[in-house]
C-alpha atoms as a PDB file:
ATOM      1  CA  MET A   1     -39.944 -28.922 115.964  1.00  0.00           C
ATOM      2  CA  LEU A   2     -37.798 -31.974 116.691  1.00  0.00           C
ATOM      3  CA  LYS A   3     -40.950 -34.078 117.004  1.00  0.00           C
ATOM      4  CA  GLU A   4     -42.095 -32.905 113.588  1.00  0.00           C
ATOM      5  CA  LEU A   5     -38.710 -33.720 112.079  1.00  0.00           C
ATOM      6  CA  MET A   6     -38.728 -37.116 113.763  1.00  0.00           C
ATOM      7  CA  ASP A   7     -42.310 -37.836 112.618  1.00  0.00           C
ATOM      8  CA  SER A   8     -41.395 -36.825 109.077  1.00  0.00           C
ATOM      9  CA  TYR A   9     -38.360 -39.099 109.172  1.00  0.00           C
ATOM     10  CA  LEU A  10     -40.352 -42.007 110.611  1.00  0.00           C
ATOM     11  CA  ASN A  11     -43.048 -41.571 107.916  1.00  0.00           C
ATOM     12  CA  SER A  12     -40.350 -41.480 105.236  1.00  0.00           C
ATOM     13  CA  LEU A  13     -38.754 -44.585 106.757  1.00  0.00           C
ATOM     14  CA  LYS A  14     -42.145 -46.335 106.841  1.00  0.00           C
ATOM     15  CA  ASP A  15     -42.798 -45.433 103.165  1.00  0.00           C
ATOM     16  CA  PHE A  16     -39.306 -46.575 102.255  1.00  0.00           C
ATOM     17  CA  ASN A  17     -39.733 -49.925 104.032  1.00  0.00           C
ATOM     18  CA  GLU A  18     -43.149 -50.490 102.409  1.00  0.00           C
ATOM     19  CA  LYS A  19     -41.744 -49.722  98.954  1.00  0.00           C
ATOM     20  CA  ARG A  20     -38.668 -51.867  99.594  1.00  0.00           C
ATOM     21  CA  ASN A  21     -40.780 -54.772 100.865  1.00  0.00           C
ATOM     22  CA  HIS A  22     -43.103 -54.463  97.859  1.00  0.00           C
ATOM     23  CA  ALA A  23     -40.097 -54.334  95.515  1.00  0.00           C
ATOM     24  CA  GLN A  24     -38.645 -57.432  97.209  1.00  0.00           C
ATOM     25  CA  VAL A  25     -41.954 -59.294  96.757  1.00  0.00           C
ATOM     26  CA  VAL A  26     -41.962 -58.364  93.054  1.00  0.00           C
ATOM     27  CA  ILE A  27     -38.286 -59.358  92.723  1.00  0.00           C
ATOM     28  CA  ASP A  28     -38.929 -62.716  94.419  1.00  0.00           C
ATOM     29  CA  LYS A  29     -41.921 -63.357  92.162  1.00  0.00           C
ATOM     30  CA  GLU A  30     -39.954 -62.438  89.026  1.00  0.00           C
ATOM     31  CA  GLN A  31     -36.973 -64.462  90.272  1.00  0.00           C
ATOM     32  CA  GLY A  32     -39.264 -67.490  90.517  1.00  0.00           C
ATOM     33  CA  ARG A  33     -40.488 -66.895  86.963  1.00  0.00           C
ATOM     34  CA  LEU A  34     -36.897 -66.460  85.820  1.00  0.00           C
ATOM     35  CA  GLU A  35     -35.880 -69.767  87.437  1.00  0.00           C
ATOM     36  CA  LYS A  36     -38.792 -71.527  85.725  1.00  0.00           C
ATOM     37  CA  LEU A  37     -37.810 -69.944  82.400  1.00  0.00           C
ATOM     38  CA  GLN A  38     -34.183 -70.957  82.946  1.00  0.00           C
ATOM     39  CA  LYS A  39     -35.261 -74.562  83.579  1.00  0.00           C
ATOM     40  CA  LYS A  40     -37.376 -74.427  80.420  1.00  0.00           C
ATOM     41  CA  ILE A  41     -34.448 -72.975  78.438  1.00  0.00           C
ATOM     42  CA  ASP A  42     -32.101 -75.644  79.815  1.00  0.00           C
ATOM     43  CA  LYS A  43     -34.559 -78.376  78.829  1.00  0.00           C
ATOM     44  CA  MET A  44     -34.944 -76.870  75.345  1.00  0.00           C
ATOM     45  CA  LYS A  45     -31.145 -76.664  74.977  1.00  0.00           C
ATOM     46  CA  HIS A  46     -30.886 -80.313  76.003  1.00  0.00           C
ATOM     47  CA  ASN A  47     -33.593 -81.283  73.498  1.00  0.00           C
ATOM     48  CA  LEU A  48     -31.823 -79.252  70.823  1.00  0.00           C
ATOM     49  CA  TYR A  49     -28.537 -81.011  71.605  1.00  0.00           C
ATOM     50  CA  GLU A  50     -30.232 -84.427  71.498  1.00  0.00           C
ATOM     51  CA  MET A  51     -32.125 -83.659  68.268  1.00  0.00           C
ATOM     52  CA  PRO A  52     -30.932 -86.057  65.577  1.00  0.00           C
ATOM     53  CA  HIS A  53     -29.220 -84.344  62.671  1.00  0.00           C
ATOM     54  CA  PRO A  54     -30.265 -85.574  59.225  1.00  0.00           C
ATOM     55  CA  ASN A  55     -27.657 -88.074  58.084  1.00  0.00           C
ATOM     56  CA  TRP A  56     -26.520 -87.599  54.487  1.00  0.00           C
ATOM     57  CA  PHE A  57     -25.414 -91.214  54.223  1.00  0.00           C
ATOM     58  CA  ASP A  58     -28.749 -92.666  55.346  1.00  0.00           C
ATOM     59  CA  SER A  59     -30.825 -90.045  53.550  1.00  0.00           C
ATOM     60  CA  ILE A  60     -29.018 -90.025  50.195  1.00  0.00           C
ATOM     61  CA  PHE A  61     -26.471 -92.803  49.675  1.00  0.00           C
ATOM     62  CA  ASN A  62     -28.545 -95.710  51.025  1.00  0.00           C
ATOM     63  CA  PRO A  63     -31.656 -94.980  48.908  1.00  0.00           C
ATOM     64  CA  LEU A  64     -29.491 -94.235  45.856  1.00  0.00           C
ATOM     65  CA  ALA A  65     -27.626 -97.547  46.239  1.00  0.00           C
ATOM     66  CA  GLU A  66     -30.906 -99.389  46.743  1.00  0.00           C
ATOM     67  CA  ALA A  67     -32.422 -97.868  43.587  1.00  0.00           C
ATOM     68  CA  LEU A  68     -29.337 -98.712  41.519  1.00  0.00           C
ATOM     69  CA  SER A  69     -29.224-102.197  43.027  1.00  0.00           C
ATOM     70  CA  GLN A  70     -32.796-102.889  41.954  1.00  0.00           C
ATOM     71  CA  LYS A  71     -32.151-101.494  38.472  1.00  0.00           C
ATOM     72  CA  LEU A  72     -28.999-103.609  38.051  1.00  0.00           C
ATOM     73  CA  ASN A  73     -30.401-106.639  39.878  1.00  0.00           C
ATOM     74  CA  LYS A  74     -27.189-106.721  41.942  1.00  0.00           C
ATOM     75  CA  LYS A  75     -26.262-106.635  45.605  1.00  0.00           C
ATOM     76  CA  TYR A  76     -24.324-103.646  46.899  1.00  0.00           C
ATOM     77  CA  ASP A  77     -21.844-102.693  49.579  1.00  0.00           C
ATOM     78  CA  PHE A  78     -20.328 -99.404  50.690  1.00  0.00           C
ATOM     79  CA  TYR A  79     -16.635 -98.770  51.096  1.00  0.00           C
ATOM     80  CA  GLY A  80     -16.256 -95.580  53.093  1.00  0.00           C
ATOM     81  CA  PRO A  81     -16.671 -92.840  53.901  1.00  0.00           C
ATOM     82  CA  PHE A  82     -12.906 -92.286  53.844  1.00  0.00           C
ATOM     83  CA  GLY A  83     -10.555 -89.314  53.950  1.00  0.00           C
ATOM     84  CA  LEU A  84     -11.051 -85.597  54.121  1.00  0.00           C
ATOM     85  CA  ARG A  85     -13.659 -85.669  51.375  1.00  0.00           C
ATOM     86  CA  ASN A  86     -15.751 -88.474  52.899  1.00  0.00           C
ATOM     87  CA  GLU A  87     -15.139 -90.455  49.717  1.00  0.00           C
ATOM     88  CA  THR A  88     -17.573 -93.364  49.515  1.00  0.00           C
ATOM     89  CA  THR A  89     -17.563 -96.033  46.838  1.00  0.00           C
ATOM     90  CA  ILE A  90     -20.667 -98.102  46.199  1.00  0.00           C
ATOM     91  CA  TYR A  91     -19.854-101.512  44.731  1.00  0.00           C
ATOM     92  CA  PHE A  92     -22.519-103.554  42.961  1.00  0.00           C
ATOM     93  CA  MET A  93     -21.924-107.296  42.648  1.00  0.00           C
ATOM     94  CA  GLU A  94     -23.556-110.703  42.405  1.00  0.00           C
ATOM     95  CA  ASN A  95     -22.518-112.087  45.788  1.00  0.00           C
ATOM     96  CA  LEU A  96     -21.808-110.167  48.993  1.00  0.00           C
ATOM     97  CA  ASN A  97     -19.943-113.169  50.417  1.00  0.00           C
ATOM     98  CA  ILE A  98     -17.248-113.013  47.737  1.00  0.00           C
ATOM     99  CA  SER A  99     -14.561-110.328  47.851  1.00  0.00           C
ATOM    100  CA  ILE A 100     -14.868-107.518  45.326  1.00  0.00           C
ATOM    101  CA  CYS A 101     -11.364-108.551  44.246  1.00  0.00           C
ATOM    102  CA  ASN A 102     -12.690-111.940  43.106  1.00  0.00           C
ATOM    103  CA  GLN A 103     -15.840-111.022  41.172  1.00  0.00           C
ATOM    104  CA  ASP A 104     -17.065-108.568  38.572  1.00  0.00           C
ATOM    105  CA  THR A 105     -18.158-105.275  40.093  1.00  0.00           C
ATOM    106  CA  TRP A 106     -19.768-102.049  39.004  1.00  0.00           C
ATOM    107  CA  SER A 107     -18.921 -99.057  41.158  1.00  0.00           C
ATOM    108  CA  ILE A 108     -19.216 -95.346  41.601  1.00  0.00           C
ATOM    109  CA  THR A 109     -17.288 -93.145  44.020  1.00  0.00           C
ATOM    110  CA  LEU A 110     -19.297 -90.323  45.565  1.00  0.00           C
ATOM    111  CA  TYR A 111     -18.478 -87.235  47.618  1.00  0.00           C
ATOM    112  CA  PRO A 112     -20.970 -85.328  49.789  1.00  0.00           C
ATOM    113  CA  GLY A 113     -19.123 -82.080  49.099  1.00  0.00           C
ATOM    114  CA  GLY A 114     -22.056 -79.822  48.279  1.00  0.00           C
ATOM    115  CA  LEU A 115     -24.756 -81.031  50.663  1.00  0.00           C
ATOM    116  CA  GLY A 116     -25.731 -77.529  51.717  1.00  0.00           C
ATOM    117  CA  ASP A 117     -26.296 -76.714  48.060  1.00  0.00           C
ATOM    118  CA  GLY A 118     -28.023 -80.012  47.267  1.00  0.00           C
ATOM    119  CA  ILE A 119     -25.080 -81.385  45.283  1.00  0.00           C
ATOM    120  CA  ILE A 120     -23.416 -84.794  45.454  1.00  0.00           C
ATOM    121  CA  TYR A 121     -20.244 -85.241  43.436  1.00  0.00           C
ATOM    122  CA  TYR A 122     -18.877 -88.329  41.732  1.00  0.00           C
ATOM    123  CA  GLN A 123     -15.336 -89.205  40.786  1.00  0.00           C
ATOM    124  CA  THR A 124     -14.955 -88.901  37.021  1.00  0.00           C
ATOM    125  CA  GLY A 125     -12.001 -91.289  36.795  1.00  0.00           C
ATOM    126  CA  GLU A 126      -9.692 -88.533  35.585  1.00  0.00           C
ATOM    127  CA  THR A 127      -6.860 -86.951  37.546  1.00  0.00           C
ATOM    128  CA  LYS A 128      -5.590 -83.398  37.590  1.00  0.00           C
ATOM    129  CA  ASP A 129      -2.737 -82.639  35.245  1.00  0.00           C
ATOM    130  CA  GLY A 130       0.081 -80.175  35.695  1.00  0.00           C
ATOM    131  CA  LYS A 131       1.995 -78.731  38.580  1.00  0.00           C
ATOM    132  CA  ASP A 132      -0.349 -80.082  41.287  1.00  0.00           C
ATOM    133  CA  ARG A 133       0.684 -83.695  40.674  1.00  0.00           C
ATOM    134  CA  ASN A 134       2.136 -85.560  43.661  1.00  0.00           C
ATOM    135  CA  HIS A 135       0.751 -82.957  46.013  1.00  0.00           C
ATOM    136  CA  VAL A 136       0.315 -83.691  49.717  1.00  0.00           C
ATOM    137  CA  THR A 137      -3.484 -83.804  49.233  1.00  0.00           C
ATOM    138  CA  ASP A 138      -3.331 -86.539  46.572  1.00  0.00           C
ATOM    139  CA  PRO A 139      -3.654 -89.436  49.062  1.00  0.00           C
ATOM    140  CA  ASN A 140      -6.997 -87.943  50.130  1.00  0.00           C
ATOM    141  CA  GLY A 141      -8.277 -87.927  46.567  1.00  0.00           C
ATOM    142  CA  PHE A 142      -7.860 -84.245  45.859  1.00  0.00           C
ATOM    143  CA  ASN A 143      -6.005 -85.104  42.647  1.00  0.00           C
ATOM    144  CA  MET A 144      -9.129 -86.834  41.319  1.00  0.00           C
ATOM    145  CA  LEU A 145     -11.518 -84.781  39.208  1.00  0.00           C
ATOM    146  CA  ILE A 146     -15.096 -84.710  40.408  1.00  0.00           C
ATOM    147  CA  ALA A 147     -18.353 -83.518  38.870  1.00  0.00           C
ATOM    148  CA  PRO A 148     -21.935 -83.063  40.096  1.00  0.00           C
ATOM    149  CA  LEU A 149     -23.884 -86.321  40.122  1.00  0.00           C
ATOM    150  CA  PRO A 150     -26.785 -86.313  37.623  1.00  0.00           C
ATOM    151  CA  ASP A 151     -30.339 -86.431  38.908  1.00  0.00           C
ATOM    152  CA  SER A 152     -31.682 -89.534  37.164  1.00  0.00           C
ATOM    153  CA  ILE A 153     -30.900 -93.166  37.950  1.00  0.00           C
ATOM    154  CA  GLU A 154     -30.454 -93.809  34.228  1.00  0.00           C
ATOM    155  CA  GLU A 155     -27.762 -91.120  33.972  1.00  0.00           C
ATOM    156  CA  ILE A 156     -26.060 -92.356  37.140  1.00  0.00           C
ATOM    157  CA  GLU A 157     -26.132 -95.937  35.845  1.00  0.00           C
ATOM    158  CA  LYS A 158     -24.123 -94.792  32.808  1.00  0.00           C
ATOM    159  CA  LEU A 159     -21.399 -93.530  35.162  1.00  0.00           C
ATOM    160  CA  LEU A 160     -20.818 -96.898  36.842  1.00  0.00           C
ATOM    161  CA  VAL A 161     -17.330 -98.283  36.357  1.00  0.00           C
ATOM    162  CA  HIS A 162     -17.256-101.984  35.430  1.00  0.00           C
ATOM    163  CA  SER A 163     -14.352-103.980  36.766  1.00  0.00           C
ATOM    164  CA  LYS A 164     -14.229-107.399  35.132  1.00  0.00           C
ATOM    165  CA  LYS A 165     -12.571-110.136  37.209  1.00  0.00           C
ATOM    166  CA  SER A 166     -13.685-113.306  35.438  1.00  0.00           C
END
């Protein structure tokens, strides 16, 4: 009887060891696949991190300034982006080597405030009236009224502010 019990135990132990060894082989194989996948994921994360984000300034403001410059037959320069609103003024002038303080300029101040919605704003030249005057946000331009920039170059050209120096 003891021999039968011992044989039964030894057979169970043999089956257990075979199943455990097989499971370990499968685990090792899957662990290798997992490590390869993790390396692939890490590489993809790195590529995602290194992926260049579209730049609103290069994609929108530069081509817009270039189109207006050609229409006006003027040179242009950017002042900005500045402040919490990323306020950027595009100045159009005859000579880039002369200060904007010493020559006639045409300008427009833009804000990339609605990029996710496809909207660029421009400063209307008006300020807010009422109780918000002299607010802490005024130095960052929040007292200036803004409006969506029109779509056409002709409409935008009409919004340019002329500053006569001569």
